[in-house]
All heavy atoms as atom14 arrays in JSON, in Angstrom:
{
  "sequence": "TVTGGKVVGGKEIVMGSGEWRYDRGVITLKIDG",
  "atom14_mask": [
    [1, 1, 1, 1, 1, 1, 1, 0, 0, 0, 0, 0, 0, 0],
    [1, 1, 1, 1, 1, 1, 1, 0, 0, 0, 0, 0, 0, 0],
    [1, 1, 1, 1, 1, 1, 1, 0, 0, 0, 0, 0, 0, 0],
    [1, 1, 1, 1, 0, 0, 0, 0, 0, 0, 0, 0, 0, 0],
    [1, 1, 1, 1, 0, 0, 0, 0, 0, 0, 0, 0, 0, 0],
    [1, 1, 1, 1, 1, 1, 1, 1, 1, 0, 0, 0, 0, 0],
    [1, 1, 1, 1, 1, 1, 1, 0, 0, 0, 0, 0, 0, 0],
    [1, 1, 1, 1, 1, 1, 1, 0, 0, 0, 0, 0, 0, 0],
    [1, 1, 1, 1, 0, 0, 0, 0, 0, 0, 0, 0, 0, 0],
    [1, 1, 1, 1, 0, 0, 0, 0, 0, 0, 0, 0, 0, 0],
    [1, 1, 1, 1, 1, 1, 1, 1, 1, 0, 0, 0, 0, 0],
    [1, 1, 1, 1, 1, 1, 1, 1, 1, 0, 0, 0, 0, 0],
    [1, 1, 1, 1, 1, 1, 1, 1, 0, 0, 0, 0, 0, 0],
    [1, 1, 1, 1, 1, 1, 1, 0, 0, 0, 0, 0, 0, 0],
    [1, 1, 1, 1, 1, 1, 1, 1, 0, 0, 0, 0, 0, 0],
    [1, 1, 1, 1, 0, 0, 0, 0, 0, 0, 0, 0, 0, 0],
    [1, 1, 1, 1, 1, 1, 0, 0, 0, 0, 0, 0, 0, 0],
    [1, 1, 1, 1, 0, 0, 0, 0, 0, 0, 0, 0, 0, 0],
    [1, 1, 1, 1, 1, 1, 1, 1, 1, 0, 0, 0, 0, 0],
    [1, 1, 1, 1, 1, 1, 1, 1, 1, 1, 1, 1, 1, 1],
    [1, 1, 1, 1, 1, 1, 1, 1, 1, 1, 1, 0, 0, 0],
    [1, 1, 1, 1, 1, 1, 1, 1, 1, 1, 1, 1, 0, 0],
    [1, 1, 1, 1, 1, 1, 1, 1, 0, 0, 0, 0, 0, 0],
    [1, 1, 1, 1, 1, 1, 1, 1, 1, 1, 1, 0, 0, 0],
    [1, 1, 1, 1, 0, 0, 0, 0, 0, 0, 0, 0, 0, 0],
    [1, 1, 1, 1, 1, 1, 1, 0, 0, 0, 0, 0, 0, 0],
    [1, 1, 1, 1, 1, 1, 1, 1, 0, 0, 0, 0, 0, 0],
    [1, 1, 1, 1, 1, 1, 1, 0, 0, 0, 0, 0, 0, 0],
    [1, 1, 1, 1, 1, 1, 1, 1, 0, 0, 0, 0, 0, 0],
    [1, 1, 1, 1, 1, 1, 1, 1, 1, 0, 0, 0, 0, 0],
    [1, 1, 1, 1, 1, 1, 1, 1, 0, 0, 0, 0, 0, 0],
    [1, 1, 1, 1, 1, 1, 1, 1, 0, 0, 0, 0, 0, 0],
    [1, 1, 1, 1, 0, 0, 0, 0, 0, 0, 0, 0, 0, 0]
  ],
  "atom14_positions": [
    [[6.87, -6.98, 5.22], [6.32, -5.71, 5.64], [6.25, -4.83, 4.41], [7.24, -4.67, 3.69], [7.21, -5.02, 6.7], [7.28, -5.86, 7.84], [6.66, -3.67, 7.09], [0.0, 0.0, 0.0], [0.0, 0.0, 0.0], [0.0, 0.0, 0.0], [0.0, 0.0, 0.0], [0.0, 0.0, 0.0], [0.0, 0.0, 0.0], [0.0, 0.0, 0.0]],
    [[5.07, -4.28, 4.13], [4.88, -3.39, 2.99], [4.5, -2.02, 3.53], [3.52, -1.89, 4.27], [3.79, -3.91, 2.04], [3.58, -2.95, 0.88], [4.12, -5.31, 1.53], [0.0, 0.0, 0.0], [0.0, 0.0, 0.0], [0.0, 0.0, 0.0], [0.0, 0.0, 0.0], [0.0, 0.0, 0.0], [0.0, 0.0, 0.0], [0.0, 0.0, 0.0]],
    [[5.29, -1.02, 3.18], [5.01, 0.36, 3.55], [4.76, 1.13, 2.27], [5.6, 1.15, 1.38], [6.19, 0.99, 4.32], [6.43, 0.2, 5.49], [5.88, 2.41, 4.74], [0.0, 0.0, 0.0], [0.0, 0.0, 0.0], [0.0, 0.0, 0.0], [0.0, 0.0, 0.0], [0.0, 0.0, 0.0], [0.0, 0.0, 0.0], [0.0, 0.0, 0.0]],
    [[3.58, 1.74, 2.17], [3.21, 2.48, 0.97], [3.22, 3.96, 1.23], [2.84, 4.43, 2.3], [0.0, 0.0, 0.0], [0.0, 0.0, 0.0], [0.0, 0.0, 0.0], [0.0, 0.0, 0.0], [0.0, 0.0, 0.0], [0.0, 0.0, 0.0], [0.0, 0.0, 0.0], [0.0, 0.0, 0.0], [0.0, 0.0, 0.0], [0.0, 0.0, 0.0]],
    [[3.69, 4.7, 0.24], [3.72, 6.14, 0.38], [3.61, 6.82, -0.97], [3.43, 6.18, -2.0], [0.0, 0.0, 0.0], [0.0, 0.0, 0.0], [0.0, 0.0, 0.0], [0.0, 0.0, 0.0], [0.0, 0.0, 0.0], [0.0, 0.0, 0.0], [0.0, 0.0, 0.0], [0.0, 0.0, 0.0], [0.0, 0.0, 0.0], [0.0, 0.0, 0.0]],
    [[3.72, 8.14, -0.92], [3.66, 8.95, -2.14], [4.65, 10.09, -2.0], [5.09, 10.42, -0.89], [2.25, 9.48, -2.38], [1.74, 10.41, -1.28], [0.32, 10.83, -1.55], [-0.19, 11.74, -0.45], [-1.56, 12.18, -0.73], [0.0, 0.0, 0.0], [0.0, 0.0, 0.0], [0.0, 0.0, 0.0], [0.0, 0.0, 0.0], [0.0, 0.0, 0.0]],
    [[5.01, 10.69, -3.12], [5.94, 11.82, -3.12], [5.13, 13.09, -3.38], [4.41, 13.19, -4.36], [7.02, 11.65, -4.21], [7.94, 12.87, -4.25], [7.83, 10.38, -3.96], [0.0, 0.0, 0.0], [0.0, 0.0, 0.0], [0.0, 0.0, 0.0], [0.0, 0.0, 0.0], [0.0, 0.0, 0.0], [0.0, 0.0, 0.0], [0.0, 0.0, 0.0]],
    [[5.26, 14.04, -2.44], [4.58, 15.33, -2.55], [5.63, 16.41, -2.34], [6.32, 16.42, -1.32], [3.45, 15.47, -1.51], [2.81, 16.85, -1.58], [2.41, 14.38, -1.68], [0.0, 0.0, 0.0], [0.0, 0.0, 0.0], [0.0, 0.0, 0.0], [0.0, 0.0, 0.0], [0.0, 0.0, 0.0], [0.0, 0.0, 0.0], [0.0, 0.0, 0.0]],
    [[5.75, 17.3, -3.29], [6.73, 18.38, -3.18], [8.15, 17.88, -3.02], [8.95, 18.48, -2.32], [0.0, 0.0, 0.0], [0.0, 0.0, 0.0], [0.0, 0.0, 0.0], [0.0, 0.0, 0.0], [0.0, 0.0, 0.0], [0.0, 0.0, 0.0], [0.0, 0.0, 0.0], [0.0, 0.0, 0.0], [0.0, 0.0, 0.0], [0.0, 0.0, 0.0]],
    [[8.45, 16.74, -3.63], [9.79, 16.18, -3.57], [10.09, 15.4, -2.3], [11.17, 14.85, -2.15], [0.0, 0.0, 0.0], [0.0, 0.0, 0.0], [0.0, 0.0, 0.0], [0.0, 0.0, 0.0], [0.0, 0.0, 0.0], [0.0, 0.0, 0.0], [0.0, 0.0, 0.0], [0.0, 0.0, 0.0], [0.0, 0.0, 0.0], [0.0, 0.0, 0.0]],
    [[9.12, 15.32, -1.38], [9.32, 14.58, -0.13], [8.38, 13.38, -0.06], [7.22, 13.47, -0.43], [9.08, 15.49, 1.07], [10.07, 16.62, 1.14], [9.95, 17.37, 2.45], [10.94, 18.51, 2.4], [11.56, 18.74, 3.64], [0.0, 0.0, 0.0], [0.0, 0.0, 0.0], [0.0, 0.0, 0.0], [0.0, 0.0, 0.0], [0.0, 0.0, 0.0]],
    [[8.92, 12.28, 0.45], [8.12, 11.06, 0.58], [7.25, 11.13, 1.83], [7.72, 11.46, 2.91], [9.05, 9.84, 0.65], [8.31, 8.54, 0.63], [9.23, 7.34, 0.63], [10.34, 7.43, 0.04], [8.85, 6.32, 1.23], [0.0, 0.0, 0.0], [0.0, 0.0, 0.0], [0.0, 0.0, 0.0], [0.0, 0.0, 0.0], [0.0, 0.0, 0.0]],
    [[5.97, 10.81, 1.65], [5.02, 10.78, 2.76], [4.5, 9.35, 2.88], [3.98, 8.79, 1.92], [3.83, 11.73, 2.51], [4.33, 13.17, 2.4], [2.78, 11.6, 3.61], [3.26, 14.14, 1.96], [0.0, 0.0, 0.0], [0.0, 0.0, 0.0], [0.0, 0.0, 0.0], [0.0, 0.0, 0.0], [0.0, 0.0, 0.0], [0.0, 0.0, 0.0]],
    [[4.65, 8.76, 4.06], [4.17, 7.39, 4.3], [2.66, 7.43, 4.49], [2.14, 8.2, 5.29], [4.86, 6.77, 5.53], [4.24, 5.42, 5.87], [6.36, 6.63, 5.28], [0.0, 0.0, 0.0], [0.0, 0.0, 0.0], [0.0, 0.0, 0.0], [0.0, 0.0, 0.0], [0.0, 0.0, 0.0], [0.0, 0.0, 0.0], [0.0, 0.0, 0.0]],
    [[1.96, 6.56, 3.73], [0.5, 6.48, 3.83], [0.05, 5.35, 4.75], [-1.04, 5.41, 5.3], [-0.09, 6.27, 2.43], [0.22, 7.38, 1.45], [-0.54, 8.93, 1.9], [-2.24, 8.54, 1.55], [0.0, 0.0, 0.0], [0.0, 0.0, 0.0], [0.0, 0.0, 0.0], [0.0, 0.0, 0.0], [0.0, 0.0, 0.0], [0.0, 0.0, 0.0]],
    [[0.88, 4.33, 4.91], [0.51, 3.23, 5.78], [1.46, 2.06, 5.62], [2.26, 2.01, 4.69], [0.0, 0.0, 0.0], [0.0, 0.0, 0.0], [0.0, 0.0, 0.0], [0.0, 0.0, 0.0], [0.0, 0.0, 0.0], [0.0, 0.0, 0.0], [0.0, 0.0, 0.0], [0.0, 0.0, 0.0], [0.0, 0.0, 0.0], [0.0, 0.0, 0.0]],
    [[1.36, 1.14, 6.56], [2.24, -0.01, 6.55], [1.46, -1.21, 7.06], [0.56, -1.08, 7.88], [3.44, 0.26, 7.47], [4.36, -0.79, 7.39], [0.0, 0.0, 0.0], [0.0, 0.0, 0.0], [0.0, 0.0, 0.0], [0.0, 0.0, 0.0], [0.0, 0.0, 0.0], [0.0, 0.0, 0.0], [0.0, 0.0, 0.0], [0.0, 0.0, 0.0]],
    [[1.84, -2.37, 6.57], [1.15, -3.58, 7.02], [1.98, -4.81, 6.77], [2.94, -4.81, 6.0], [0.0, 0.0, 0.0], [0.0, 0.0, 0.0], [0.0, 0.0, 0.0], [0.0, 0.0, 0.0], [0.0, 0.0, 0.0], [0.0, 0.0, 0.0], [0.0, 0.0, 0.0], [0.0, 0.0, 0.0], [0.0, 0.0, 0.0], [0.0, 0.0, 0.0]],
    [[1.58, -5.89, 7.41], [2.24, -7.19, 7.25], [1.46, -7.97, 6.2], [0.24, -8.05, 6.26], [2.23, -7.93, 8.58], [2.98, -9.22, 8.56], [3.03, -9.86, 9.94], [3.76, -9.34, 10.8], [2.32, -10.85, 10.14], [0.0, 0.0, 0.0], [0.0, 0.0, 0.0], [0.0, 0.0, 0.0], [0.0, 0.0, 0.0], [0.0, 0.0, 0.0]],
    [[2.2, -8.52, 5.24], [1.58, -9.26, 4.15], [2.21, -10.64, 4.08], [3.4, -10.81, 4.31], [1.82, -8.55, 2.83], [1.22, -7.19, 2.77], [1.61, -6.09, 3.47], [0.13, -6.78, 1.97], [0.83, -5.02, 3.16], [-0.09, -5.41, 2.24], [-0.68, -7.43, 1.05], [-1.1, -4.68, 1.61], [-1.68, -6.71, 0.42], [-1.88, -5.35, 0.71]],
    [[1.42, -11.61, 3.72], [1.94, -12.96, 3.5], [2.11, -13.16, 2.01], [1.19, -12.93, 1.23], [0.97, -14.0, 4.04], [1.5, -15.39, 3.84], [0.67, -16.38, 4.58], [1.19, -17.7, 4.29], [0.66, -18.79, 4.72], [-0.4, -18.74, 5.5], [1.18, -19.95, 4.41], [0.0, 0.0, 0.0], [0.0, 0.0, 0.0], [0.0, 0.0, 0.0]],
    [[3.29, -13.57, 1.6], [3.59, -13.73, 0.19], [3.19, -15.13, -0.26], [3.72, -16.11, 0.24], [5.08, -13.5, -0.07], [5.43, -13.59, -1.51], [5.1, -12.55, -2.37], [6.03, -14.71, -2.03], [5.39, -12.62, -3.71], [6.32, -14.8, -3.39], [6.0, -13.75, -4.22], [6.28, -13.84, -5.55], [0.0, 0.0, 0.0], [0.0, 0.0, 0.0]],
    [[2.24, -15.19, -1.16], [1.86, -16.5, -1.68], [1.55, -16.45, -3.17], [0.92, -17.34, -3.7], [0.7, -17.1, -0.88], [-0.59, -16.37, -1.11], [-0.59, -15.34, -1.79], [-1.62, -16.85, -0.62], [0.0, 0.0, 0.0], [0.0, 0.0, 0.0], [0.0, 0.0, 0.0], [0.0, 0.0, 0.0], [0.0, 0.0, 0.0], [0.0, 0.0, 0.0]],
    [[1.97, -15.42, -3.84], [1.89, -15.3, -5.29], [0.48, -15.13, -5.85], [0.25, -15.39, -7.02], [2.59, -16.48, -5.98], [4.08, -16.56, -5.65], [4.7, -17.68, -6.38], [5.3, -18.82, -5.75], [5.38, -19.18, -4.51], [4.84, -18.47, -3.59], [6.0, -20.26, -4.15], [0.0, 0.0, 0.0], [0.0, 0.0, 0.0], [0.0, 0.0, 0.0]],
    [[-0.45, -14.69, -5.09], [-1.8, -14.43, -5.59], [-2.03, -12.94, -5.77], [-1.21, -12.12, -5.38], [0.0, 0.0, 0.0], [0.0, 0.0, 0.0], [0.0, 0.0, 0.0], [0.0, 0.0, 0.0], [0.0, 0.0, 0.0], [0.0, 0.0, 0.0], [0.0, 0.0, 0.0], [0.0, 0.0, 0.0], [0.0, 0.0, 0.0], [0.0, 0.0, 0.0]],
    [[-3.16, -12.58, -6.37], [-3.52, -11.18, -6.59], [-4.88, -10.93, -5.94], [-5.84, -11.64, -6.21], [-3.6, -10.84, -8.09], [-4.08, -9.41, -8.29], [-2.24, -11.04, -8.74], [0.0, 0.0, 0.0], [0.0, 0.0, 0.0], [0.0, 0.0, 0.0], [0.0, 0.0, 0.0], [0.0, 0.0, 0.0], [0.0, 0.0, 0.0], [0.0, 0.0, 0.0]],
    [[-4.92, -9.91, -5.1], [-6.17, -9.51, -4.47], [-6.59, -8.19, -5.08], [-5.8, -7.25, -5.14], [-6.01, -9.36, -2.95], [-5.65, -10.71, -2.34], [-7.28, -8.78, -2.33], [-5.29, -10.64, -0.89], [0.0, 0.0, 0.0], [0.0, 0.0, 0.0], [0.0, 0.0, 0.0], [0.0, 0.0, 0.0], [0.0, 0.0, 0.0], [0.0, 0.0, 0.0]],
    [[-7.83, -8.13, -5.55], [-8.38, -6.9, -6.09], [-9.63, -6.57, -5.29], [-10.5, -7.43, -5.13], [-8.74, -7.07, -7.58], [-7.58, -7.5, -8.29], [-9.24, -5.78, -8.18], [0.0, 0.0, 0.0], [0.0, 0.0, 0.0], [0.0, 0.0, 0.0], [0.0, 0.0, 0.0], [0.0, 0.0, 0.0], [0.0, 0.0, 0.0], [0.0, 0.0, 0.0]],
    [[-9.7, -5.34, -4.78], [-10.86, -4.92, -4.0], [-11.51, -3.71, -4.65], [-10.82, -2.82, -5.14], [-10.43, -4.54, -2.58], [-9.83, -5.65, -1.73], [-9.35, -5.08, -0.4], [-10.82, -6.76, -1.51], [0.0, 0.0, 0.0], [0.0, 0.0, 0.0], [0.0, 0.0, 0.0], [0.0, 0.0, 0.0], [0.0, 0.0, 0.0], [0.0, 0.0, 0.0]],
    [[-12.83, -3.67, -4.62], [-13.58, -2.53, -5.12], [-14.42, -2.0, -3.96], [-15.19, -2.75, -3.35], [-14.48, -2.94, -6.29], [-15.3, -1.79, -6.81], [-16.2, -2.24, -7.94], [-17.08, -1.1, -8.38], [-18.07, -1.52, -9.36], [0.0, 0.0, 0.0], [0.0, 0.0, 0.0], [0.0, 0.0, 0.0], [0.0, 0.0, 0.0], [0.0, 0.0, 0.0]],
    [[-14.28, -0.73, -3.68], [-15.01, -0.11, -2.58], [-16.19, 0.65, -3.17], [-16.04, 1.46, -4.08], [-14.1, 0.85, -1.8], [-12.9, 0.08, -1.25], [-14.88, 1.54, -0.68], [-11.8, 0.96, -0.72], [0.0, 0.0, 0.0], [0.0, 0.0, 0.0], [0.0, 0.0, 0.0], [0.0, 0.0, 0.0], [0.0, 0.0, 0.0], [0.0, 0.0, 0.0]],
    [[-17.39, 0.37, -2.64], [-18.6, 1.01, -3.1], [-19.44, 1.37, -1.88], [-20.17, 0.51, -1.35], [-19.36, 0.09, -4.06], [-20.62, 0.74, -4.63], [-20.77, 1.97, -4.51], [-21.44, 0.0, -5.21], [0.0, 0.0, 0.0], [0.0, 0.0, 0.0], [0.0, 0.0, 0.0], [0.0, 0.0, 0.0], [0.0, 0.0, 0.0], [0.0, 0.0, 0.0]],
    [[-19.31, 2.59, -1.42], [-20.05, 3.03, -0.24], [-19.66, 2.24, 0.98], [-18.51, 2.28, 1.42], [0.0, 0.0, 0.0], [0.0, 0.0, 0.0], [0.0, 0.0, 0.0], [0.0, 0.0, 0.0], [0.0, 0.0, 0.0], [0.0, 0.0, 0.0], [0.0, 0.0, 0.0], [0.0, 0.0, 0.0], [0.0, 0.0, 0.0], [0.0, 0.0, 0.0]]
  ]
}
């Protein structure tokens, strides 16, 4: 389970969470429109 967040004003804000399968690869995505 990977939960990503950021720190704003000294407080952690959760941006989202998801289930990931660990297999040692790298996924790179580019969003264009």
